[in-house]
C-alpha cells in the first residue's frame, strides 16, 4: 500500500476529509523525524518504537575492486514493533485492539537520562 492509498483508506475509515488525514500523517512523520534528529526515542504504545541506531565502523570489501575498505560509523533510524503488533500480524490478536491504546491520552512524566517521547 502506497501513501495515497493509505490516506484514502484512512479517510474512508475515519470519515475525515483526505486533506485533513494527509496533514495529520504528514505532521506525525515530521514530528517523529524531528524527535529522532534530536536524539529522542518515540514510543507509540501498542504499535512500536522509533529510535536512532548507531552502527560502528567496520571493515568491508569494494565488490568491484576487491579492495579492503573501512566503512565509517553512522546513525540510522530504526523501528521495533511492539508485541501487540507482532501478534496482530500473526493473526493472534484483532487489529482493532491496537487502537485501544490511543483511547485515553495521558500525560507521561519525562524520564531522566536518555530522552524518550511517548505519543
N, C-alpha and C. Protein backbone atom coordinates (compact mmCIF):
# COMPACT_ATOMS: atom_id res chain seq x y z
N UNK A 1 0.85 -1.18 0.00
CA UNK A 1 0.00 0.00 0.00
C UNK A 1 0.90 1.24 0.00
N UNK A 2 0.63 2.13 -0.92
CA UNK A 2 1.39 3.37 -1.02
C UNK A 2 0.69 4.48 -0.23
N UNK A 3 1.39 5.61 -0.10
CA UNK A 3 0.91 6.71 0.73
C UNK A 3 -0.49 7.17 0.32
N UNK A 4 -0.72 7.39 -0.95
CA UNK A 4 -2.03 7.89 -1.40
C UNK A 4 -3.15 6.90 -1.09
N UNK A 5 -2.87 5.61 -1.30
CA UNK A 5 -3.86 4.58 -0.98
C UNK A 5 -4.13 4.57 0.53
N UNK A 6 -3.07 4.69 1.31
CA UNK A 6 -3.18 4.70 2.77
C UNK A 6 -4.06 5.86 3.23
N UNK A 7 -3.82 7.05 2.69
CA UNK A 7 -4.58 8.24 3.06
C UNK A 7 -6.05 8.08 2.67
N UNK A 8 -6.32 7.58 1.46
CA UNK A 8 -7.70 7.38 1.02
C UNK A 8 -8.43 6.39 1.93
N UNK A 9 -7.77 5.28 2.26
CA UNK A 9 -8.40 4.26 3.10
C UNK A 9 -8.64 4.79 4.51
N UNK A 10 -7.66 5.51 5.06
CA UNK A 10 -7.81 6.05 6.41
C UNK A 10 -8.91 7.11 6.45
N UNK A 11 -9.00 7.93 5.42
CA UNK A 11 -10.07 8.93 5.35
C UNK A 11 -11.43 8.24 5.31
N UNK A 12 -11.52 7.17 4.55
CA UNK A 12 -12.77 6.42 4.46
C UNK A 12 -13.16 5.80 5.81
N UNK A 13 -12.18 5.22 6.50
CA UNK A 13 -12.45 4.55 7.78
C UNK A 13 -12.74 5.52 8.93
N UNK A 14 -12.19 6.74 8.84
CA UNK A 14 -12.39 7.71 9.93
C UNK A 14 -13.44 8.76 9.60
N UNK A 15 -13.94 8.76 8.37
CA UNK A 15 -14.91 9.75 7.90
C UNK A 15 -14.37 11.16 7.99
N UNK A 16 -13.07 11.31 7.82
CA UNK A 16 -12.42 12.63 7.78
C UNK A 16 -12.04 12.93 6.35
N UNK A 17 -11.95 14.21 5.98
CA UNK A 17 -11.51 14.56 4.62
C UNK A 17 -10.06 14.11 4.38
N UNK A 18 -9.78 13.72 3.15
CA UNK A 18 -8.43 13.28 2.80
C UNK A 18 -7.39 14.35 3.10
N UNK A 19 -7.76 15.60 2.90
CA UNK A 19 -6.82 16.69 3.14
C UNK A 19 -6.40 16.73 4.61
N UNK A 20 -7.35 16.55 5.52
CA UNK A 20 -7.03 16.55 6.95
C UNK A 20 -6.20 15.33 7.34
N UNK A 21 -6.56 14.17 6.80
CA UNK A 21 -5.80 12.95 7.09
C UNK A 21 -4.36 13.13 6.60
N UNK A 22 -4.20 13.70 5.42
CA UNK A 22 -2.86 13.94 4.87
C UNK A 22 -2.06 14.87 5.80
N UNK A 23 -2.68 15.92 6.31
CA UNK A 23 -1.99 16.84 7.21
C UNK A 23 -1.57 16.15 8.50
N UNK A 24 -2.43 15.30 9.04
CA UNK A 24 -2.11 14.59 10.27
C UNK A 24 -0.96 13.61 10.05
N UNK A 25 -1.02 12.84 8.97
CA UNK A 25 0.05 11.88 8.66
C UNK A 25 1.36 12.62 8.45
N UNK A 26 1.29 13.69 7.68
CA UNK A 26 2.49 14.49 7.41
C UNK A 26 3.08 15.05 8.71
N UNK A 27 2.20 15.59 9.56
CA UNK A 27 2.65 16.14 10.83
C UNK A 27 3.28 15.08 11.72
N UNK A 28 2.68 13.88 11.74
CA UNK A 28 3.22 12.79 12.57
C UNK A 28 4.60 12.36 12.08
N UNK A 29 4.75 12.22 10.77
CA UNK A 29 6.04 11.82 10.21
C UNK A 29 7.10 12.88 10.49
N UNK A 30 6.74 14.16 10.32
CA UNK A 30 7.70 15.24 10.58
C UNK A 30 8.08 15.29 12.06
N UNK A 31 7.11 15.10 12.94
CA UNK A 31 7.40 15.11 14.37
C UNK A 31 8.34 13.97 14.75
N UNK A 32 8.06 12.78 14.25
CA UNK A 32 8.93 11.64 14.54
C UNK A 32 10.34 11.91 14.03
N UNK A 33 10.46 12.43 12.81
CA UNK A 33 11.78 12.72 12.24
C UNK A 33 12.53 13.76 13.07
N UNK A 34 11.83 14.82 13.50
CA UNK A 34 12.48 15.86 14.31
C UNK A 34 12.95 15.30 15.64
N UNK A 35 12.12 14.50 16.29
CA UNK A 35 12.49 13.94 17.59
C UNK A 35 13.68 12.98 17.45
N UNK A 36 13.70 12.19 16.39
CA UNK A 36 14.84 11.30 16.16
C UNK A 36 16.11 12.11 15.91
N UNK A 37 15.98 13.19 15.16
CA UNK A 37 17.13 14.05 14.88
C UNK A 37 17.69 14.64 16.17
N UNK A 38 16.80 14.92 17.14
CA UNK A 38 17.22 15.47 18.43
C UNK A 38 17.75 14.40 19.38
N UNK A 39 17.76 13.14 18.93
CA UNK A 39 18.28 12.07 19.75
C UNK A 39 17.26 11.40 20.64
N UNK A 40 15.99 11.74 20.47
CA UNK A 40 14.93 11.16 21.28
C UNK A 40 14.48 9.81 20.72
N UNK A 41 13.81 9.07 21.54
CA UNK A 41 13.17 7.82 21.16
C UNK A 41 11.67 8.10 21.17
N UNK A 42 10.93 7.65 20.15
CA UNK A 42 9.49 7.87 20.08
C UNK A 42 8.79 6.53 20.26
N UNK A 43 7.98 6.44 21.32
CA UNK A 43 7.28 5.20 21.64
C UNK A 43 5.79 5.38 21.41
N UNK A 44 5.22 4.59 20.52
CA UNK A 44 3.78 4.54 20.30
C UNK A 44 3.31 3.24 20.95
N UNK A 45 2.85 3.35 22.18
CA UNK A 45 2.47 2.17 22.96
C UNK A 45 1.48 1.32 22.18
N UNK A 46 1.76 0.04 22.11
CA UNK A 46 0.89 -0.88 21.38
C UNK A 46 1.23 -0.98 19.91
N UNK A 47 2.09 -0.10 19.41
CA UNK A 47 2.47 -0.13 18.00
C UNK A 47 3.96 -0.43 17.83
N UNK A 48 4.81 0.41 18.46
CA UNK A 48 6.24 0.17 18.35
C UNK A 48 7.06 1.37 18.76
N UNK A 49 8.37 1.25 18.56
CA UNK A 49 9.32 2.27 18.98
C UNK A 49 10.20 2.69 17.82
N UNK A 50 10.32 3.99 17.62
CA UNK A 50 11.24 4.55 16.64
C UNK A 50 12.45 5.06 17.41
N UNK A 51 13.65 4.74 16.93
CA UNK A 51 14.85 5.21 17.60
C UNK A 51 16.00 5.33 16.61
N UNK A 52 17.04 6.04 17.02
CA UNK A 52 18.24 6.16 16.21
C UNK A 52 19.19 5.05 16.64
N UNK A 53 19.66 4.30 15.68
CA UNK A 53 20.61 3.22 15.96
C UNK A 53 21.98 3.63 15.46
N UNK A 54 22.98 3.29 16.25
CA UNK A 54 24.36 3.63 15.91
C UNK A 54 25.06 2.38 15.37
N UNK A 55 25.68 2.55 14.21
CA UNK A 55 26.45 1.45 13.63
C UNK A 55 27.92 1.77 13.79
N UNK A 56 28.67 0.82 14.30
CA UNK A 56 30.10 1.02 14.48
C UNK A 56 30.80 1.02 13.11
N UNK A 57 32.00 1.58 13.08
CA UNK A 57 32.81 1.49 11.88
C UNK A 57 33.19 0.02 11.69
N UNK A 58 33.28 -0.40 10.44
CA UNK A 58 33.60 -1.80 10.20
C UNK A 58 34.37 -1.94 8.90
N UNK A 59 35.00 -3.10 8.74
CA UNK A 59 35.75 -3.37 7.53
C UNK A 59 34.83 -3.96 6.49
N UNK A 60 35.10 -3.62 5.25
CA UNK A 60 34.31 -4.15 4.16
C UNK A 60 35.18 -4.36 2.94
N UNK A 61 34.57 -4.80 1.87
CA UNK A 61 35.30 -5.04 0.62
C UNK A 61 34.54 -4.36 -0.50
N UNK A 62 35.26 -3.59 -1.31
CA UNK A 62 34.68 -2.98 -2.50
C UNK A 62 34.44 -4.11 -3.50
N UNK A 63 33.18 -4.39 -3.89
CA UNK A 63 32.90 -5.53 -4.76
C UNK A 63 33.49 -5.40 -6.16
N UNK A 64 33.76 -4.18 -6.61
CA UNK A 64 34.32 -4.01 -7.96
C UNK A 64 35.82 -4.23 -8.00
N UNK A 65 36.52 -3.70 -6.97
CA UNK A 65 37.99 -3.78 -6.98
C UNK A 65 38.53 -4.84 -6.03
N UNK A 66 37.68 -5.39 -5.18
CA UNK A 66 38.06 -6.36 -4.14
C UNK A 66 39.01 -5.75 -3.11
N UNK A 67 39.09 -4.44 -3.11
CA UNK A 67 39.96 -3.72 -2.17
C UNK A 67 39.27 -3.65 -0.80
N UNK A 68 40.05 -3.85 0.27
CA UNK A 68 39.52 -3.73 1.63
C UNK A 68 39.33 -2.25 1.96
N UNK A 69 38.18 -1.92 2.52
CA UNK A 69 37.89 -0.54 2.88
C UNK A 69 37.35 -0.50 4.30
N UNK A 70 37.37 0.69 4.89
CA UNK A 70 36.76 0.90 6.19
C UNK A 70 35.46 1.65 5.98
N UNK A 71 34.38 1.06 6.45
CA UNK A 71 33.07 1.71 6.36
C UNK A 71 32.90 2.53 7.63
N UNK A 72 32.71 3.84 7.52
CA UNK A 72 32.66 4.69 8.71
C UNK A 72 31.42 4.43 9.56
N UNK A 73 31.50 4.82 10.83
CA UNK A 73 30.33 4.68 11.71
C UNK A 73 29.25 5.62 11.22
N UNK A 74 28.02 5.25 11.51
CA UNK A 74 26.90 6.05 11.05
C UNK A 74 25.71 5.88 11.99
N UNK A 75 24.72 6.71 11.81
CA UNK A 75 23.48 6.61 12.55
C UNK A 75 22.36 6.35 11.55
N UNK A 76 21.41 5.53 11.95
CA UNK A 76 20.30 5.21 11.07
C UNK A 76 19.02 5.07 11.89
N UNK A 77 17.88 5.48 11.34
CA UNK A 77 16.64 5.31 12.08
C UNK A 77 16.24 3.84 12.10
N UNK A 78 15.61 3.45 13.20
CA UNK A 78 15.15 2.06 13.32
C UNK A 78 13.77 2.01 13.94
N UNK A 79 13.07 0.93 13.68
CA UNK A 79 11.74 0.72 14.24
C UNK A 79 11.68 -0.69 14.81
N UNK A 80 11.17 -0.80 16.02
CA UNK A 80 10.94 -2.09 16.65
C UNK A 80 9.45 -2.22 16.91
N UNK A 81 8.83 -3.24 16.35
CA UNK A 81 7.39 -3.46 16.51
C UNK A 81 7.09 -3.94 17.93
N UNK A 82 5.95 -3.49 18.45
CA UNK A 82 5.52 -3.95 19.77
C UNK A 82 5.04 -5.39 19.68
N UNK A 83 4.94 -6.03 20.82
CA UNK A 83 4.45 -7.40 20.85
C UNK A 83 3.01 -7.46 20.33
N UNK A 84 2.20 -6.45 20.65
CA UNK A 84 0.81 -6.41 20.17
C UNK A 84 0.75 -6.40 18.65
N UNK A 85 1.62 -5.59 18.02
CA UNK A 85 1.64 -5.52 16.56
C UNK A 85 2.10 -6.85 15.97
N UNK A 86 3.11 -7.46 16.59
CA UNK A 86 3.59 -8.75 16.11
C UNK A 86 2.48 -9.81 16.18
N UNK A 87 1.74 -9.83 17.29
CA UNK A 87 0.65 -10.79 17.44
C UNK A 87 -0.47 -10.52 16.45
N UNK A 88 -0.70 -9.25 16.12
CA UNK A 88 -1.73 -8.90 15.13
C UNK A 88 -1.34 -9.43 13.76
N UNK A 89 -0.07 -9.27 13.39
CA UNK A 89 0.41 -9.76 12.10
C UNK A 89 0.29 -11.28 12.01
N UNK A 90 0.52 -11.94 13.14
CA UNK A 90 0.41 -13.41 13.17
C UNK A 90 -1.04 -13.89 13.20
N UNK A 91 -1.99 -12.95 13.35
CA UNK A 91 -3.40 -13.30 13.37
C UNK A 91 -3.90 -13.75 14.73
N UNK A 92 -3.10 -13.55 15.77
CA UNK A 92 -3.50 -13.99 17.11
C UNK A 92 -4.28 -12.92 17.87
N UNK A 93 -4.24 -11.68 17.38
CA UNK A 93 -4.92 -10.56 18.04
C UNK A 93 -5.65 -9.76 16.96
N UNK A 94 -6.81 -9.22 17.30
CA UNK A 94 -7.59 -8.40 16.36
C UNK A 94 -6.92 -7.04 16.18
N UNK A 95 -6.77 -6.55 14.95
CA UNK A 95 -6.13 -5.25 14.72
C UNK A 95 -6.78 -4.10 15.48
N UNK A 96 -8.07 -4.19 15.76
CA UNK A 96 -8.74 -3.11 16.47
C UNK A 96 -8.23 -2.97 17.91
N UNK A 97 -7.62 -4.02 18.45
CA UNK A 97 -7.09 -3.93 19.81
C UNK A 97 -5.89 -2.98 19.89
N UNK A 98 -5.20 -2.77 18.77
CA UNK A 98 -4.07 -1.83 18.76
C UNK A 98 -4.54 -0.40 18.99
N UNK A 99 -5.70 -0.05 18.42
CA UNK A 99 -6.19 1.32 18.55
C UNK A 99 -6.68 1.63 19.95
N UNK A 100 -6.96 0.61 20.76
CA UNK A 100 -7.43 0.86 22.12
C UNK A 100 -6.36 1.57 22.96
N UNK A 101 -5.10 1.44 22.57
CA UNK A 101 -4.01 2.13 23.28
C UNK A 101 -4.14 3.65 23.13
N UNK A 102 -4.86 4.11 22.11
CA UNK A 102 -4.99 5.54 21.85
C UNK A 102 -6.28 6.13 22.39
N UNK A 103 -7.12 5.30 23.03
CA UNK A 103 -8.39 5.78 23.55
C UNK A 103 -8.21 6.86 24.60
N UNK A 104 -7.29 6.66 25.50
CA UNK A 104 -7.04 7.65 26.55
C UNK A 104 -5.61 8.14 26.42
N UNK A 105 -5.46 9.43 26.20
CA UNK A 105 -4.13 10.01 26.12
C UNK A 105 -3.82 10.58 27.48
N UNK A 106 -2.75 10.09 28.08
CA UNK A 106 -2.39 10.57 29.40
C UNK A 106 -1.03 11.25 29.34
N UNK A 107 -0.81 12.15 30.24
CA UNK A 107 0.47 12.84 30.29
C UNK A 107 1.49 11.91 30.93
N UNK A 108 2.57 11.67 30.21
CA UNK A 108 3.61 10.76 30.68
C UNK A 108 4.74 11.58 31.28
N UNK A 109 5.18 11.27 32.51
CA UNK A 109 6.28 12.02 33.09
C UNK A 109 7.56 11.80 32.29
N UNK A 110 8.34 12.82 32.17
CA UNK A 110 9.57 12.74 31.39
C UNK A 110 10.64 12.01 32.20
N UNK A 111 11.21 10.93 31.64
CA UNK A 111 12.22 10.18 32.37
C UNK A 111 13.56 10.92 32.42
N UNK A 112 14.37 10.59 33.37
CA UNK A 112 15.70 11.19 33.47
C UNK A 112 16.64 10.42 32.56
N UNK A 113 17.75 11.03 32.21
CA UNK A 113 18.73 10.36 31.34
C UNK A 113 18.33 10.53 29.89
N UNK A 114 18.39 9.45 29.13
CA UNK A 114 18.06 9.50 27.72
C UNK A 114 16.62 9.93 27.53
N UNK A 115 16.41 10.91 26.66
CA UNK A 115 15.07 11.44 26.46
C UNK A 115 14.22 10.45 25.67
N UNK A 116 12.96 10.36 26.03
CA UNK A 116 12.02 9.44 25.41
C UNK A 116 10.71 10.18 25.20
N UNK A 117 10.13 10.08 24.04
CA UNK A 117 8.89 10.78 23.75
C UNK A 117 7.80 9.73 23.57
N UNK A 118 6.74 9.84 24.35
CA UNK A 118 5.61 8.92 24.21
C UNK A 118 4.47 9.66 23.53
N UNK A 119 3.91 9.05 22.49
CA UNK A 119 2.82 9.67 21.74
C UNK A 119 1.62 8.77 21.87
